[in-house]
Amino acid sequence: MTTVNIHEAKTHLSRLIAQATAGEEVIIAKSGKPLVKMVPVEPPKPQRRIGGLEGQFEVPEDFDTMFEKEIEEMFYGEDSP
C-alpha cells in the first residue's frame, strides 16, 4: 500500500495509476489524513444475448406431455391410474 499527499498525487498521477492497475492500493491523503483509495476498476461482465440460440434447435409440439407415461410409471409403478 502506498500513501501519497495530494500534491505528489497530481505530480505522479500516471505512475500511481499504473501501481493501482497492477493491484497495489494507493491512498491519497491531505495533511496526513487518508481521503481516497485508488483501486482498479473491474471489467464489466459480458451481457447475455436473448435469443442467441434461435434456430439451432426445435422444441417438439408435444413438449409439455413428453414422456408423461414413463414419468407416471416412475412415480406410481407399472399400474398407474
N, C-alpha and C. Protein backbone atom coordinates (compact mmCIF):
# COMPACT_ATOMS: atom_id res chain seq x y z
N MET A 1 0.85 -1.18 0.00
CA MET A 1 0.00 0.00 0.00
C MET A 1 0.89 1.23 0.00
N THR A 2 0.56 2.17 -0.88
CA THR A 2 1.30 3.41 -1.00
C THR A 2 0.41 4.56 -0.55
N THR A 3 0.94 5.46 0.25
CA THR A 3 0.21 6.65 0.67
C THR A 3 0.97 7.88 0.18
N VAL A 4 0.27 8.77 -0.51
CA VAL A 4 0.88 9.99 -1.02
C VAL A 4 -0.01 11.18 -0.70
N ASN A 5 0.60 12.38 -0.66
CA ASN A 5 -0.21 13.57 -0.43
C ASN A 5 -0.78 14.04 -1.77
N ILE A 6 -1.68 14.99 -1.73
CA ILE A 6 -2.39 15.45 -2.93
C ILE A 6 -1.41 16.01 -3.96
N HIS A 7 -0.46 16.83 -3.52
CA HIS A 7 0.50 17.43 -4.45
C HIS A 7 1.30 16.35 -5.17
N GLU A 8 1.77 15.38 -4.43
CA GLU A 8 2.54 14.28 -5.04
C GLU A 8 1.65 13.46 -5.99
N ALA A 9 0.39 13.29 -5.62
CA ALA A 9 -0.53 12.55 -6.48
C ALA A 9 -0.73 13.27 -7.81
N LYS A 10 -0.86 14.60 -7.77
CA LYS A 10 -1.02 15.37 -9.01
C LYS A 10 0.24 15.27 -9.87
N THR A 11 1.39 15.30 -9.23
CA THR A 11 2.66 15.27 -9.94
C THR A 11 2.92 13.90 -10.58
N HIS A 12 2.56 12.84 -9.89
CA HIS A 12 2.89 11.48 -10.33
C HIS A 12 1.65 10.64 -10.60
N LEU A 13 0.61 11.26 -11.14
CA LEU A 13 -0.66 10.56 -11.34
C LEU A 13 -0.52 9.31 -12.23
N SER A 14 0.20 9.43 -13.32
CA SER A 14 0.35 8.29 -14.24
C SER A 14 1.01 7.11 -13.54
N ARG A 15 2.04 7.37 -12.78
CA ARG A 15 2.74 6.30 -12.05
C ARG A 15 1.82 5.67 -11.02
N LEU A 16 1.03 6.48 -10.32
CA LEU A 16 0.13 5.96 -9.30
C LEU A 16 -0.99 5.13 -9.93
N ILE A 17 -1.47 5.56 -11.08
CA ILE A 17 -2.49 4.78 -11.79
C ILE A 17 -1.92 3.42 -12.20
N ALA A 18 -0.69 3.42 -12.68
CA ALA A 18 -0.05 2.15 -13.06
C ALA A 18 0.08 1.23 -11.85
N GLN A 19 0.42 1.78 -10.70
CA GLN A 19 0.52 0.97 -9.48
C GLN A 19 -0.85 0.40 -9.11
N ALA A 20 -1.87 1.23 -9.19
CA ALA A 20 -3.21 0.78 -8.82
C ALA A 20 -3.71 -0.31 -9.77
N THR A 21 -3.47 -0.15 -11.08
CA THR A 21 -3.93 -1.17 -12.02
C THR A 21 -3.13 -2.46 -11.88
N ALA A 22 -1.94 -2.38 -11.30
CA ALA A 22 -1.14 -3.58 -11.04
C ALA A 22 -1.61 -4.29 -9.78
N GLY A 23 -2.58 -3.72 -9.07
CA GLY A 23 -3.13 -4.38 -7.89
C GLY A 23 -2.74 -3.77 -6.57
N GLU A 24 -1.91 -2.76 -6.58
CA GLU A 24 -1.48 -2.12 -5.33
C GLU A 24 -2.48 -1.04 -4.94
N GLU A 25 -2.81 -0.97 -3.66
CA GLU A 25 -3.69 0.10 -3.18
C GLU A 25 -2.89 1.38 -3.05
N VAL A 26 -3.45 2.47 -3.55
CA VAL A 26 -2.81 3.78 -3.45
C VAL A 26 -3.76 4.69 -2.69
N ILE A 27 -3.29 5.23 -1.58
CA ILE A 27 -4.08 6.13 -0.74
C ILE A 27 -3.60 7.56 -0.97
N ILE A 28 -4.55 8.45 -1.23
CA ILE A 28 -4.22 9.87 -1.35
C ILE A 28 -4.68 10.56 -0.08
N ALA A 29 -3.75 11.30 0.54
CA ALA A 29 -4.02 11.91 1.84
C ALA A 29 -3.85 13.43 1.76
N LYS A 30 -4.49 14.10 2.72
CA LYS A 30 -4.33 15.55 2.87
C LYS A 30 -3.96 15.79 4.32
N SER A 31 -2.85 16.44 4.53
CA SER A 31 -2.34 16.70 5.88
C SER A 31 -2.19 15.40 6.67
N GLY A 32 -1.80 14.33 5.97
CA GLY A 32 -1.57 13.05 6.63
C GLY A 32 -2.83 12.23 6.89
N LYS A 33 -4.00 12.77 6.55
CA LYS A 33 -5.26 12.04 6.76
C LYS A 33 -5.72 11.44 5.44
N PRO A 34 -5.94 10.13 5.40
CA PRO A 34 -6.38 9.49 4.15
C PRO A 34 -7.71 10.05 3.67
N LEU A 35 -7.78 10.36 2.36
CA LEU A 35 -9.01 10.87 1.77
C LEU A 35 -9.66 9.87 0.81
N VAL A 36 -8.84 9.34 -0.10
CA VAL A 36 -9.37 8.42 -1.12
C VAL A 36 -8.42 7.25 -1.32
N LYS A 37 -9.00 6.17 -1.84
CA LYS A 37 -8.20 4.99 -2.16
C LYS A 37 -8.37 4.71 -3.65
N MET A 38 -7.26 4.57 -4.35
CA MET A 38 -7.29 4.22 -5.77
C MET A 38 -7.16 2.71 -5.90
N VAL A 39 -8.12 2.12 -6.58
CA VAL A 39 -8.09 0.68 -6.85
C VAL A 39 -8.52 0.49 -8.31
N PRO A 40 -8.12 -0.60 -8.94
CA PRO A 40 -8.52 -0.81 -10.34
C PRO A 40 -10.01 -1.09 -10.46
N VAL A 41 -10.58 -0.67 -11.57
CA VAL A 41 -11.99 -0.92 -11.86
C VAL A 41 -12.08 -2.30 -12.50
N GLU A 42 -13.01 -3.12 -12.03
CA GLU A 42 -13.18 -4.45 -12.60
C GLU A 42 -13.87 -4.34 -13.95
N PRO A 43 -13.44 -5.14 -14.93
CA PRO A 43 -14.08 -5.06 -16.25
C PRO A 43 -15.54 -5.50 -16.15
N PRO A 44 -16.40 -4.91 -16.97
CA PRO A 44 -17.82 -5.27 -16.90
C PRO A 44 -18.03 -6.72 -17.36
N LYS A 45 -19.03 -7.36 -16.77
CA LYS A 45 -19.36 -8.73 -17.16
C LYS A 45 -20.04 -8.68 -18.53
N PRO A 46 -19.75 -9.67 -19.38
CA PRO A 46 -20.42 -9.67 -20.68
C PRO A 46 -21.92 -9.86 -20.51
N GLN A 47 -22.68 -9.13 -21.30
CA GLN A 47 -24.14 -9.22 -21.20
C GLN A 47 -24.63 -10.42 -21.99
N ARG A 48 -25.67 -11.06 -21.46
CA ARG A 48 -26.26 -12.20 -22.15
C ARG A 48 -27.15 -11.71 -23.28
N ARG A 49 -27.10 -12.44 -24.37
CA ARG A 49 -27.96 -12.11 -25.50
C ARG A 49 -29.19 -12.98 -25.46
N ILE A 50 -30.34 -12.37 -25.51
CA ILE A 50 -31.60 -13.11 -25.56
C ILE A 50 -31.79 -13.60 -26.99
N GLY A 51 -32.10 -14.87 -27.12
CA GLY A 51 -32.33 -15.44 -28.44
C GLY A 51 -31.06 -15.84 -29.16
N GLY A 52 -29.98 -16.00 -28.44
CA GLY A 52 -28.71 -16.35 -29.04
C GLY A 52 -28.69 -17.73 -29.68
N LEU A 53 -29.58 -18.63 -29.27
CA LEU A 53 -29.63 -19.98 -29.83
C LEU A 53 -30.79 -20.15 -30.82
N GLU A 54 -31.40 -19.05 -31.21
CA GLU A 54 -32.55 -19.12 -32.11
C GLU A 54 -32.19 -19.85 -33.40
N GLY A 55 -33.05 -20.82 -33.75
CA GLY A 55 -32.86 -21.57 -34.98
C GLY A 55 -31.89 -22.73 -34.88
N GLN A 56 -31.28 -22.95 -33.72
CA GLN A 56 -30.31 -24.01 -33.57
C GLN A 56 -30.93 -25.31 -33.09
N PHE A 57 -32.17 -25.28 -32.61
CA PHE A 57 -32.86 -26.50 -32.21
C PHE A 57 -34.35 -26.26 -32.31
N GLU A 58 -35.11 -27.36 -32.27
CA GLU A 58 -36.56 -27.27 -32.36
C GLU A 58 -37.19 -27.84 -31.10
N VAL A 59 -38.23 -27.20 -30.62
CA VAL A 59 -38.99 -27.70 -29.48
C VAL A 59 -40.16 -28.51 -30.06
N PRO A 60 -40.27 -29.79 -29.68
CA PRO A 60 -41.34 -30.63 -30.22
C PRO A 60 -42.72 -30.11 -29.81
N GLU A 61 -43.71 -30.38 -30.64
CA GLU A 61 -45.08 -29.95 -30.38
C GLU A 61 -45.61 -30.54 -29.06
N ASP A 62 -45.21 -31.78 -28.75
CA ASP A 62 -45.73 -32.44 -27.54
C ASP A 62 -44.78 -32.26 -26.34
N PHE A 63 -44.03 -31.15 -26.33
CA PHE A 63 -43.03 -30.93 -25.28
C PHE A 63 -43.64 -31.01 -23.88
N ASP A 64 -44.82 -30.44 -23.67
CA ASP A 64 -45.41 -30.41 -22.34
C ASP A 64 -45.95 -31.77 -21.90
N THR A 65 -46.09 -32.72 -22.81
CA THR A 65 -46.58 -34.06 -22.44
C THR A 65 -45.56 -35.15 -22.76
N MET A 66 -44.36 -34.77 -23.17
CA MET A 66 -43.33 -35.75 -23.49
C MET A 66 -43.04 -36.64 -22.29
N PHE A 67 -42.92 -37.91 -22.54
CA PHE A 67 -42.54 -38.90 -21.53
C PHE A 67 -43.51 -38.93 -20.35
N GLU A 68 -44.72 -38.47 -20.54
CA GLU A 68 -45.71 -38.44 -19.47
C GLU A 68 -45.94 -39.84 -18.90
N LYS A 69 -46.11 -40.84 -19.77
CA LYS A 69 -46.37 -42.19 -19.33
C LYS A 69 -45.17 -42.74 -18.56
N GLU A 70 -43.95 -42.51 -19.04
CA GLU A 70 -42.75 -43.00 -18.37
C GLU A 70 -42.58 -42.36 -16.99
N ILE A 71 -42.88 -41.08 -16.90
CA ILE A 71 -42.75 -40.39 -15.61
C ILE A 71 -43.77 -40.92 -14.61
N GLU A 72 -45.00 -41.13 -15.06
CA GLU A 72 -46.03 -41.70 -14.18
C GLU A 72 -45.61 -43.08 -13.70
N GLU A 73 -45.02 -43.88 -14.58
CA GLU A 73 -44.57 -45.21 -14.17
C GLU A 73 -43.46 -45.13 -13.14
N MET A 74 -42.58 -44.13 -13.25
CA MET A 74 -41.51 -43.98 -12.26
C MET A 74 -42.07 -43.64 -10.88
N PHE A 75 -43.13 -42.82 -10.85
CA PHE A 75 -43.69 -42.41 -9.57
C PHE A 75 -44.70 -43.41 -9.00
N TYR A 76 -45.51 -43.99 -9.88
CA TYR A 76 -46.61 -44.82 -9.41
C TYR A 76 -46.43 -46.30 -9.72
N GLY A 77 -45.43 -46.67 -10.48
CA GLY A 77 -45.22 -48.06 -10.84
C GLY A 77 -45.91 -48.39 -12.15
N GLU A 78 -45.85 -49.63 -12.53
CA GLU A 78 -46.41 -50.09 -13.81
C GLU A 78 -47.92 -49.89 -13.88
N ASP A 79 -48.63 -50.06 -12.78
CA ASP A 79 -50.09 -49.97 -12.78
C ASP A 79 -50.55 -48.57 -12.43
N SER A 80 -50.14 -47.58 -13.20
CA SER A 80 -50.51 -46.19 -12.89
C SER A 80 -51.98 -45.95 -13.22
N PRO A 81 -52.62 -45.03 -12.51
CA PRO A 81 -54.06 -44.76 -12.72
C PRO A 81 -54.37 -44.17 -14.07
